Amino acid sequence: MDQGQLGKIGNKVGEAGTTSKVSADTAAPGKAPKAASAGDTVNLTNSAKLLERLDKSLASLPAVDAGRVAEIKSAIENGNYEIDADAIAEAMIRLDRSLGD
């Protein structure tokens, strides 16, 4: 998953983590809308809470690991960058299986 996708998830998690009062502002014509009572609450699911924690932990990470980028760039320029196709394929299969569960 790239940083752009994580950012989009983070934005949605941030929106889901807000608590707001609910009011009925779609009242029938001619009738005043009902005001929200002081006891109205929003409860987050465990998944939303987990996503909120993930968002907070990802927010503390840099968008790009500059050191890693420089290391890979140098290896490519020197002709030392090797691609392990088997490791990439295995990682893709593990990811696919984890998403399928």
PDB file of N, CA and C in Angstrom:
ATOM      1  N   MET A   1       0.850  -1.174   0.000  1.00  0.00           N
ATOM      2  CA  MET A   1       0.000   0.000   0.000  1.00  0.00           C
ATOM      3  C   MET A   1       0.888   1.227   0.000  1.00  0.00           C
ATOM      4  N   ASP A   2       0.620   2.150  -0.894  1.00  0.00           N
ATOM      5  CA  ASP A   2       1.463   3.338  -0.968  1.00  0.00           C
ATOM      6  C   ASP A   2       0.978   4.417  -0.005  1.00  0.00           C
ATOM      7  N   GLN A   3       1.812   5.436   0.174  1.00  0.00           N
ATOM      8  CA  GLN A   3       1.525   6.495   1.131  1.00  0.00           C
ATOM      9  C   GLN A   3       0.242   7.250   0.784  1.00  0.00           C
ATOM     10  N   GLY A   4      -0.051   7.402  -0.503  1.00  0.00           N
ATOM     11  CA  GLY A   4      -1.266   8.103  -0.911  1.00  0.00           C
ATOM     12  C   GLY A   4      -2.520   7.385  -0.435  1.00  0.00           C
ATOM     13  N   GLN A   5      -2.520   6.047  -0.570  1.00  0.00           N
ATOM     14  CA  GLN A   5      -3.664   5.276  -0.099  1.00  0.00           C
ATOM     15  C   GLN A   5      -3.786   5.364   1.410  1.00  0.00           C
ATOM     16  N   LEU A   6      -2.659   5.307   2.119  1.00  0.00           N
ATOM     17  CA  LEU A   6      -2.690   5.410   3.571  1.00  0.00           C
ATOM     18  C   LEU A   6      -3.230   6.767   3.991  1.00  0.00           C
ATOM     19  N   GLY A   7      -2.866   7.816   3.250  1.00  0.00           N
ATOM     20  CA  GLY A   7      -3.374   9.145   3.561  1.00  0.00           C
ATOM     21  C   GLY A   7      -4.881   9.226   3.405  1.00  0.00           C
ATOM     22  N   LYS A   8      -5.403   8.584   2.353  1.00  0.00           N
ATOM     23  CA  LYS A   8      -6.843   8.588   2.137  1.00  0.00           C
ATOM     24  C   LYS A   8      -7.552   7.848   3.264  1.00  0.00           C
ATOM     25  N   ILE A   9      -6.973   6.713   3.678  1.00  0.00           N
ATOM     26  CA  ILE A   9      -7.548   5.961   4.791  1.00  0.00           C
ATOM     27  C   ILE A   9      -7.503   6.807   6.047  1.00  0.00           C
ATOM     28  N   GLY A  10      -6.382   7.470   6.258  1.00  0.00           N
ATOM     29  CA  GLY A  10      -6.239   8.309   7.440  1.00  0.00           C
ATOM     30  C   GLY A  10      -7.280   9.410   7.484  1.00  0.00           C
ATOM     31  N   ASN A  11      -7.576  10.010   6.342  1.00  0.00           N
ATOM     32  CA  ASN A  11      -8.585  11.065   6.299  1.00  0.00           C
ATOM     33  C   ASN A  11      -9.948  10.522   6.682  1.00  0.00           C
ATOM     34  N   LYS A  12     -10.287   9.349   6.173  1.00  0.00           N
ATOM     35  CA  LYS A  12     -11.580   8.759   6.493  1.00  0.00           C
ATOM     36  C   LYS A  12     -11.633   8.362   7.962  1.00  0.00           C
ATOM     37  N   VAL A  13     -10.536   7.847   8.500  1.00  0.00           N
ATOM     38  CA  VAL A  13     -10.501   7.476   9.911  1.00  0.00           C
ATOM     39  C   VAL A  13     -10.670   8.716  10.768  1.00  0.00           C
ATOM     40  N   GLY A  14     -10.003   9.798  10.392  1.00  0.00           N
ATOM     41  CA  GLY A  14     -10.137  11.034  11.143  1.00  0.00           C
ATOM     42  C   GLY A  14     -11.577  11.528  11.167  1.00  0.00           C
ATOM     43  N   GLU A  15     -12.266  11.384  10.038  1.00  0.00           N
ATOM     44  CA  GLU A  15     -13.662  11.794   9.979  1.00  0.00           C
ATOM     45  C   GLU A  15     -14.529  10.886  10.839  1.00  0.00           C
ATOM     46  N   ALA A  16     -14.233   9.582  10.841  1.00  0.00           N
ATOM     47  CA  ALA A  16     -15.029   8.625  11.594  1.00  0.00           C
ATOM     48  C   ALA A  16     -14.817   8.777  13.087  1.00  0.00           C
ATOM     49  N   GLY A  17     -13.684   9.331  13.488  1.00  0.00           N
ATOM     50  CA  GLY A  17     -13.375   9.432  14.900  1.00  0.00           C
ATOM     51  C   GLY A  17     -13.997  10.634  15.584  1.00  0.00           C
ATOM     52  N   THR A  18     -14.697  11.475  14.858  1.00  0.00           N
ATOM     53  CA  THR A  18     -15.267  12.655  15.486  1.00  0.00           C
ATOM     54  C   THR A  18     -16.597  12.316  16.121  1.00  0.00           C
ATOM     55  N   THR A  19     -16.889  12.980  17.211  1.00  0.00           N
ATOM     56  CA  THR A  19     -18.164  12.808  17.892  1.00  0.00           C
ATOM     57  C   THR A  19     -18.968  14.068  17.685  1.00  0.00           C
ATOM     58  N   SER A  20     -20.207  13.905  17.296  1.00  0.00           N
ATOM     59  CA  SER A  20     -21.042  15.075  17.085  1.00  0.00           C
ATOM     60  C   SER A  20     -22.440  14.798  17.578  1.00  0.00           C
ATOM     61  N   LYS A  21     -23.150  15.870  17.858  1.00  0.00           N
ATOM     62  CA  LYS A  21     -24.542  15.729  18.259  1.00  0.00           C
ATOM     63  C   LYS A  21     -25.393  15.597  17.011  1.00  0.00           C
ATOM     64  N   VAL A  22     -26.467  14.897  17.159  1.00  0.00           N
ATOM     65  CA  VAL A  22     -27.357  14.646  16.042  1.00  0.00           C
ATOM     66  C   VAL A  22     -28.619  15.457  16.252  1.00  0.00           C
ATOM     67  N   SER A  23     -29.024  16.182  15.225  1.00  0.00           N
ATOM     68  CA  SER A  23     -30.277  16.917  15.323  1.00  0.00           C
ATOM     69  C   SER A  23     -31.126  16.599  14.112  1.00  0.00           C
ATOM     70  N   ALA A  24     -32.412  16.704  14.305  1.00  0.00           N
ATOM     71  CA  ALA A  24     -33.346  16.415  13.222  1.00  0.00           C
ATOM     72  C   ALA A  24     -33.644  17.708  12.487  1.00  0.00           C
ATOM     73  N   ASP A  25     -32.799  18.077  11.530  1.00  0.00           N
ATOM     74  CA  ASP A  25     -33.008  19.324  10.799  1.00  0.00           C
ATOM     75  C   ASP A  25     -33.765  19.090   9.503  1.00  0.00           C
ATOM     76  N   THR A  26     -34.314  17.907   9.338  1.00  0.00           N
ATOM     77  CA  THR A  26     -35.110  17.606   8.157  1.00  0.00           C
ATOM     78  C   THR A  26     -36.579  17.465   8.563  1.00  0.00           C
ATOM     79  N   ALA A  27     -37.059  18.376   9.366  1.00  0.00           N
ATOM     80  CA  ALA A  27     -38.440  18.334   9.835  1.00  0.00           C
ATOM     81  C   ALA A  27     -39.388  18.622   8.675  1.00  0.00           C
ATOM     82  N   ALA A  28     -40.631  18.226   8.890  1.00  0.00           N
ATOM     83  CA  ALA A  28     -41.652  18.460   7.877  1.00  0.00           C
ATOM     84  C   ALA A  28     -41.876  19.963   7.723  1.00  0.00           C
ATOM     85  N   PRO A  29     -42.296  20.412   6.537  1.00  0.00           N
ATOM     86  CA  PRO A  29     -42.531  21.844   6.328  1.00  0.00           C
ATOM     87  C   PRO A  29     -43.530  22.384   7.350  1.00  0.00           C
ATOM     88  N   GLY A  30     -43.219  23.565   7.888  1.00  0.00           N
ATOM     89  CA  GLY A  30     -44.106  24.188   8.849  1.00  0.00           C
ATOM     90  C   GLY A  30     -43.836  23.785  10.286  1.00  0.00           C
ATOM     91  N   LYS A  31     -42.986  22.771  10.510  1.00  0.00           N
ATOM     92  CA  LYS A  31     -42.681  22.329  11.863  1.00  0.00           C
ATOM     93  C   LYS A  31     -41.239  22.681  12.191  1.00  0.00           C
ATOM     94  N   ALA A  32     -41.007  23.043  13.428  1.00  0.00           N
ATOM     95  CA  ALA A  32     -39.649  23.375  13.858  1.00  0.00           C
ATOM     96  C   ALA A  32     -38.843  22.088  14.037  1.00  0.00           C
ATOM     97  N   PRO A  33     -37.558  22.108  13.663  1.00  0.00           N
ATOM     98  CA  PRO A  33     -36.739  20.912  13.848  1.00  0.00           C
ATOM     99  C   PRO A  33     -36.524  20.634  15.329  1.00  0.00           C
ATOM    100  N   LYS A  34     -36.404  19.347  15.660  1.00  0.00           N
ATOM    101  CA  LYS A  34     -36.146  18.952  17.037  1.00  0.00           C
ATOM    102  C   LYS A  34     -34.678  19.194  17.362  1.00  0.00           C
ATOM    103  N   ALA A  35     -34.410  19.681  18.552  1.00  0.00           N
ATOM    104  CA  ALA A  35     -33.029  19.893  18.988  1.00  0.00           C
ATOM    105  C   ALA A  35     -32.484  18.597  19.564  1.00  0.00           C
ATOM    106  N   ALA A  36     -31.201  18.403  19.409  1.00  0.00           N
ATOM    107  CA  ALA A  36     -30.563  17.205  19.959  1.00  0.00           C
ATOM    108  C   ALA A  36     -30.522  17.322  21.472  1.00  0.00           C
ATOM    109  N   SER A  37     -30.763  16.213  22.133  1.00  0.00           N
ATOM    110  CA  SER A  37     -30.681  16.239  23.588  1.00  0.00           C
ATOM    111  C   SER A  37     -29.224  16.155  24.009  1.00  0.00           C
ATOM    112  N   ALA A  38     -28.961  16.588  25.225  1.00  0.00           N
ATOM    113  CA  ALA A  38     -27.584  16.620  25.725  1.00  0.00           C
ATOM    114  C   ALA A  38     -26.996  15.222  25.850  1.00  0.00           C
ATOM    115  N   GLY A  39     -27.822  14.196  25.873  1.00  0.00           N
ATOM    116  CA  GLY A  39     -27.329  12.836  26.062  1.00  0.00           C
ATOM    117  C   GLY A  39     -27.027  12.088  24.782  1.00  0.00           C
ATOM    118  N   ASP A  40     -27.208  12.699  23.617  1.00  0.00           N
ATOM    119  CA  ASP A  40     -26.929  12.010  22.354  1.00  0.00           C
ATOM    120  C   ASP A  40     -25.437  11.765  22.204  1.00  0.00           C
ATOM    121  N   THR A  41     -25.067  10.548  21.838  1.00  0.00           N
ATOM    122  CA  THR A  41     -23.657  10.203  21.662  1.00  0.00           C
ATOM    123  C   THR A  41     -23.477   9.363  20.418  1.00  0.00           C
ATOM    124  N   VAL A  42     -22.239   9.264  19.999  1.00  0.00           N
ATOM    125  CA  VAL A  42     -21.864   8.408  18.880  1.00  0.00           C
ATOM    126  C   VAL A  42     -20.875   7.383  19.417  1.00  0.00           C
ATOM    127  N   ASN A  43     -21.126   6.115  19.164  1.00  0.00           N
ATOM    128  CA  ASN A  43     -20.224   5.053  19.609  1.00  0.00           C
ATOM    129  C   ASN A  43     -19.463   4.503  18.413  1.00  0.00           C
ATOM    130  N   LEU A  44     -18.155   4.397  18.554  1.00  0.00           N
ATOM    131  CA  LEU A  44     -17.321   3.865  17.488  1.00  0.00           C
ATOM    132  C   LEU A  44     -17.197   2.353  17.620  1.00  0.00           C
ATOM    133  N   THR A  45     -17.153   1.677  16.495  1.00  0.00           N
ATOM    134  CA  THR A  45     -16.926   0.237  16.518  1.00  0.00           C
ATOM    135  C   THR A  45     -15.463  -0.032  16.843  1.00  0.00           C
ATOM    136  N   ASN A  46     -15.162  -1.272  17.186  1.00  0.00           N
ATOM    137  CA  ASN A  46     -13.773  -1.642  17.463  1.00  0.00           C
ATOM    138  C   ASN A  46     -12.898  -1.412  16.235  1.00  0.00           C
ATOM    139  N   SER A  47     -13.441  -1.657  15.052  1.00  0.00           N
ATOM    140  CA  SER A  47     -12.667  -1.439  13.825  1.00  0.00           C
ATOM    141  C   SER A  47     -12.338   0.035  13.646  1.00  0.00           C
ATOM    142  N   ALA A  48     -13.301   0.903  13.930  1.00  0.00           N
ATOM    143  CA  ALA A  48     -13.057   2.340  13.796  1.00  0.00           C
ATOM    144  C   ALA A  48     -12.020   2.798  14.809  1.00  0.00           C
ATOM    145  N   LYS A  49     -12.080   2.255  16.011  1.00  0.00           N
ATOM    146  CA  LYS A  49     -11.093   2.607  17.035  1.00  0.00           C
ATOM    147  C   LYS A  49      -9.698   2.143  16.613  1.00  0.00           C
ATOM    148  N   LEU A  50      -9.614   0.942  16.037  1.00  0.00           N
ATOM    149  CA  LEU A  50      -8.331   0.429  15.561  1.00  0.00           C
ATOM    150  C   LEU A  50      -7.788   1.305  14.436  1.00  0.00           C
ATOM    151  N   LEU A  51      -8.641   1.690  13.520  1.00  0.00           N
ATOM    152  CA  LEU A  51      -8.215   2.560  12.420  1.00  0.00           C
ATOM    153  C   LEU A  51      -7.768   3.925  12.936  1.00  0.00           C
ATOM    154  N   GLU A  52      -8.422   4.417  13.969  1.00  0.00           N
ATOM    155  CA  GLU A  52      -8.027   5.697  14.543  1.00  0.00           C
ATOM    156  C   GLU A  52      -6.637   5.603  15.163  1.00  0.00           C
ATOM    157  N   ARG A  53      -6.347   4.494  15.865  1.00  0.00           N
ATOM    158  CA  ARG A  53      -5.011   4.304  16.439  1.00  0.00           C
ATOM    159  C   ARG A  53      -3.974   4.169  15.338  1.00  0.00           C
ATOM    160  N   LEU A  54      -4.314   3.452  14.263  1.00  0.00           N
ATOM    161  CA  LEU A  54      -3.404   3.295  13.129  1.00  0.00           C
ATOM    162  C   LEU A  54      -3.112   4.649  12.499  1.00  0.00           C
ATOM    163  N   ASP A  55      -4.130   5.447  12.338  1.00  0.00           N
ATOM    164  CA  ASP A  55      -3.957   6.783  11.765  1.00  0.00           C
ATOM    165  C   ASP A  55      -3.008   7.618  12.612  1.00  0.00           C
ATOM    166  N   LYS A  56      -3.170   7.565  13.913  1.00  0.00           N
ATOM    167  CA  LYS A  56      -2.306   8.348  14.802  1.00  0.00           C
ATOM    168  C   LYS A  56      -0.863   7.862  14.732  1.00  0.00           C
ATOM    169  N   SER A  57      -0.664   6.542  14.652  1.00  0.00           N
ATOM    170  CA  SER A  57       0.709   6.035  14.589  1.00  0.00           C
ATOM    171  C   SER A  57       1.350   6.342  13.240  1.00  0.00           C
ATOM    172  N   LEU A  58       0.580   6.293  12.158  1.00  0.00           N
ATOM    173  CA  LEU A  58       1.118   6.616  10.835  1.00  0.00           C
ATOM    174  C   LEU A  58       1.408   8.103  10.697  1.00  0.00           C
ATOM    175  N   ALA A  59       0.655   8.929  11.404  1.00  0.00           N
ATOM    176  CA  ALA A  59       0.860  10.375  11.321  1.00  0.00           C
ATOM    177  C   ALA A  59       2.232  10.771  11.857  1.00  0.00           C
ATOM    178  N   SER A  60       2.776   9.951  12.743  1.00  0.00           N
ATOM    179  CA  SER A  60       4.082  10.283  13.321  1.00  0.00           C
ATOM    180  C   SER A  60       5.243   9.863  12.414  1.00  0.00           C
ATOM    181  N   LEU A  61       4.961   9.076  11.386  1.00  0.00           N
ATOM    182  CA  LEU A  61       6.007   8.621  10.466  1.00  0.00           C
ATOM    183  C   LEU A  61       6.199   9.635   9.342  1.00  0.00           C
ATOM    184  N   PRO A  62       7.442   9.751   8.842  1.00  0.00           N
ATOM    185  CA  PRO A  62       7.650  10.644   7.695  1.00  0.00           C
ATOM    186  C   PRO A  62       6.977  10.067   6.448  1.00  0.00           C
ATOM    187  N   ALA A  63       6.574  10.943   5.543  1.00  0.00           N
ATOM    188  CA  ALA A  63       5.901  10.498   4.325  1.00  0.00           C
ATOM    189  C   ALA A  63       6.839   9.656   3.458  1.00  0.00           C
ATOM    190  N   VAL A  64       8.123   9.994   3.468  1.00  0.00           N
ATOM    191  CA  VAL A  64       9.122   9.282   2.672  1.00  0.00           C
ATOM    192  C   VAL A  64      10.341   9.031   3.549  1.00  0.00           C
ATOM    193  N   ASP A  65      10.866   7.812   3.484  1.00  0.00           N
ATOM    194  CA  ASP A  65      12.098   7.484   4.211  1.00  0.00           C
ATOM    195  C   ASP A  65      13.271   7.916   3.334  1.00  0.00           C
ATOM    196  N   ALA A  66      13.729   9.136   3.563  1.00  0.00           N
ATOM    197  CA  ALA A  66      14.771   9.727   2.719  1.00  0.00           C
ATOM    198  C   ALA A  66      16.046   8.896   2.716  1.00  0.00           C
ATOM    199  N   GLY A  67      16.391   8.319   3.844  1.00  0.00           N
ATOM    200  CA  GLY A  67      17.592   7.484   3.917  1.00  0.00           C
ATOM    201  C   GLY A  67      17.486   6.261   3.033  1.00  0.00           C
ATOM    202  N   ARG A  68      16.317   5.618   3.052  1.00  0.00           N
ATOM    203  CA  ARG A  68      16.103   4.425   2.232  1.00  0.00           C
ATOM    204  C   ARG A  68      16.105   4.789   0.748  1.00  0.00           C
ATOM    205  N   VAL A  69      15.498   5.913   0.401  1.00  0.00           N
ATOM    206  CA  VAL A  69      15.475   6.371  -0.995  1.00  0.00           C
ATOM    207  C   VAL A  69      16.895   6.606  -1.485  1.00  0.00           C
ATOM    208  N   ALA A  70      17.720   7.268  -0.673  1.00  0.00           N
ATOM    209  CA  ALA A  70      19.107   7.544  -1.063  1.00  0.00           C
ATOM    210  C   ALA A  70      19.892   6.250  -1.226  1.00  0.00           C
ATOM    211  N   GLU A  71      19.643   5.293  -0.339  1.00  0.00           N
ATOM    212  CA  GLU A  71      20.328   3.997  -0.406  1.00  0.00           C
ATOM    213  C   GLU A  71      19.990   3.260  -1.697  1.00  0.00           C
ATOM    214  N   ILE A  72      18.713   3.225  -2.048  1.00  0.00           N
ATOM    215  CA  ILE A  72      18.278   2.533  -3.268  1.00  0.00           C
ATOM    216  C   ILE A  72      18.781   3.276  -4.502  1.00  0.00           C
ATOM    217  N   LYS A  73      18.709   4.586  -4.483  1.00  0.00           N
ATOM    218  CA  LYS A  73      19.182   5.390  -5.616  1.00  0.00           C
ATOM    219  C   LYS A  73      20.666   5.122  -5.870  1.00  0.00           C
ATOM    220  N   SER A  74      21.441   5.081  -4.811  1.00  0.00           N
ATOM    221  CA  SER A  74      22.872   4.816  -4.934  1.00  0.00           C
ATOM    222  C   SER A  74      23.127   3.420  -5.493  1.00  0.00           C
ATOM    223  N   ALA A  75      22.377   2.430  -4.996  1.00  0.00           N
ATOM    224  CA  ALA A  75      22.541   1.057  -5.475  1.00  0.00           C
ATOM    225  C   ALA A  75      22.194   0.948  -6.958  1.00  0.00           C
ATOM    226  N   ILE A  76      21.153   1.642  -7.398  1.00  0.00           N
ATOM    227  CA  ILE A  76      20.778   1.616  -8.817  1.00  0.00           C
ATOM    228  C   ILE A  76      21.871   2.254  -9.668  1.00  0.00           C
ATOM    229  N   GLU A  77      22.362   3.410  -9.220  1.00  0.00           N
ATOM    230  CA  GLU A  77      23.403   4.114  -9.970  1.00  0.00           C
ATOM    231  C   GLU A  77      24.680   3.285 -10.067  1.00  0.00           C
ATOM    232  N   ASN A  78      24.995   2.526  -9.031  1.00  0.00           N
ATOM    233  CA  ASN A  78      26.209   1.706  -9.013  1.00  0.00           C
ATOM    234  C   ASN A  78      26.012   0.336  -9.650  1.00  0.00           C
ATOM    235  N   GLY A  79      24.771   0.016 -10.036  1.00  0.00           N
ATOM    236  CA  GLY A  79      24.495  -1.285 -10.641  1.00  0.00           C
ATOM    237  C   GLY A  79      24.434  -2.412  -9.618  1.00  0.00           C
ATOM    238  N   ASN A  80      24.255  -2.080  -8.350  1.00  0.00           N
ATOM    239  CA  ASN A  80      24.223  -3.091  -7.292  1.00  0.00           C
ATOM    240  C   ASN A  80      22.820  -3.432  -6.819  1.00  0.00           C
ATOM    241  N   TYR A  81      21.813  -2.830  -7.388  1.00  0.00           N
ATOM    242  CA  TYR A  81      20.446  -3.060  -6.928  1.00  0.00           C
ATOM    243  C   TYR A  81      19.945  -4.373  -7.505  1.00  0.00           C
ATOM    244  N   GLU A  82      19.579  -5.293  -6.615  1.00  0.00           N
ATOM    245  CA  GLU A  82      19.079  -6.599  -7.042  1.00  0.00           C
ATOM    246  C   GLU A  82      17.626  -6.747  -6.636  1.00  0.00           C
ATOM    247  N   ILE A  83      16.854  -7.318  -7.536  1.00  0.00           N
ATOM    248  CA  ILE A  83      15.436  -7.553  -7.273  1.00  0.00           C
ATOM    249  C   ILE A  83      15.253  -9.037  -7.004  1.00  0.00           C
ATOM    250  N   ASP A  84      14.643  -9.356  -5.864  1.00  0.00           N
ATOM    251  CA  ASP A  84      14.356 -10.740  -5.501  1.00  0.00           C
ATOM    252  C   ASP A  84      12.901 -11.022  -5.876  1.00  0.00           C
ATOM    253  N   ALA A  85      12.700 -11.514  -7.089  1.00  0.00           N
ATOM    254  CA  ALA A  85      11.359 -11.741  -7.608  1.00  0.00           C
ATOM    255  C   ALA A  85      10.583 -12.741  -6.757  1.00  0.00           C
ATOM    256  N   ASP A  86      11.263 -13.764  -6.227  1.00  0.00           N
ATOM    257  CA  ASP A  86      10.579 -14.753  -5.388  1.00  0.00           C
ATOM    258  C   ASP A  86      10.045 -14.116  -4.108  1.00  0.00           C
ATOM    259  N   ALA A  87      10.846 -13.266  -3.477  1.00  0.00           N
ATOM    260  CA  ALA A  87      10.409 -12.603  -2.246  1.00  0.00           C
ATOM    261  C   ALA A  87       9.233 -11.676  -2.517  1.00  0.00           C
ATOM    262  N   ILE A  88       9.267 -10.979  -3.646  1.00  0.00           N
ATOM    263  CA  ILE A  88       8.163 -10.080  -4.002  1.00  0.00           C
ATOM    264  C   ILE A  88       6.893 -10.888  -4.251  1.00  0.00           C
ATOM    265  N   ALA A  89       7.011 -11.999  -4.983  1.00  0.00           N
ATOM    266  CA  ALA A  89       5.851 -12.844  -5.272  1.00  0.00           C
ATOM    267  C   ALA A  89       5.265 -13.421  -3.982  1.00  0.00           C
ATOM    268  N   GLU A  90       6.117 -13.883  -3.079  1.00  0.00           N
ATOM    269  CA  GLU A  90       5.636 -14.434  -1.814  1.00  0.00           C
ATOM    270  C   GLU A  90       4.924 -13.372  -0.986  1.00  0.00           C
ATOM    271  N   ALA A  91       5.456 -12.161  -0.964  1.00  0.00           N
ATOM    272  CA  ALA A  91       4.823 -11.077  -0.213  1.00  0.00           C
ATOM    273  C   ALA A  91       3.458 -10.735  -0.809  1.00  0.00           C
ATOM    274  N   MET A  92       3.361 -10.738  -2.136  1.00  0.00           N
ATOM    275  CA  MET A  92       2.089 -10.442  -2.796  1.00  0.00           C
ATOM    276  C   MET A  92       1.057 -11.523  -2.482  1.00  0.00           C
ATOM    277  N   ILE A  93       1.484 -12.776  -2.460  1.00  0.00           N
ATOM    278  CA  ILE A  93       0.586 -13.878  -2.140  1.00  0.00           C
ATOM    279  C   ILE A  93       0.105 -13.774  -0.692  1.00  0.00           C
ATOM    280  N   ARG A  94       1.037 -13.457   0.244  1.00  0.00           N
ATOM    281  CA  ARG A  94       0.643 -13.296   1.652  1.00  0.00           C
ATOM    282  C   ARG A  94      -0.368 -12.159   1.796  1.00  0.00           C
ATOM    283  N   LEU A  95      -0.127 -11.055   1.101  1.00  0.00           N
ATOM    284  CA  LEU A  95      -1.047  -9.924   1.167  1.00  0.00           C
ATOM    285  C   LEU A  95      -2.426 -10.323   0.621  1.00  0.00           C
ATOM    286  N   ASP A  96      -2.445 -10.995  -0.507  1.00  0.00           N
ATOM    287  CA  ASP A  96      -3.701 -11.417  -1.114  1.00  0.00           C
ATOM    288  C   ASP A  96      -4.463 -12.344  -0.169  1.00  0.00           C
ATOM    289  N   ARG A  97      -3.764 -13.277   0.458  1.00  0.00           N
ATOM    290  CA  ARG A  97      -4.415 -14.199   1.393  1.00  0.00           C
ATOM    291  C   ARG A  97      -4.939 -13.459   2.610  1.00  0.00           C
ATOM    292  N   SER A  98      -4.190 -12.485   3.104  1.00  0.00           N
ATOM    293  CA  SER A  98      -4.645 -11.745   4.289  1.00  0.00           C
ATOM    294  C   SER A  98      -5.852 -10.888   3.978  1.00  0.00           C
ATOM    295  N   LEU A  99      -5.952 -10.386   2.757  1.00  0.00           N
ATOM    296  CA  LEU A  99      -7.114  -9.582   2.373  1.00  0.00           C
ATOM    297  C   LEU A  99      -8.328 -10.440   2.117  1.00  0.00           C
ATOM    298  N   GLY A 100      -8.104 -11.702   1.764  1.00  0.00           N
ATOM    299  CA  GLY A 100      -9.199 -12.606   1.473  1.00  0.00           C
ATOM    300  C   GLY A 100      -9.865 -13.173   2.714  1.00  0.00           C
ATOM    301  N   ASP A 101      -9.210 -13.063   3.848  1.00  0.00           N
ATOM    302  CA  ASP A 101      -9.775 -13.628   5.099  1.00  0.00           C
ATOM    303  C   ASP A 101     -10.838 -12.777   5.691  1.00  0.00           C
TER     304      ASP A 101
END
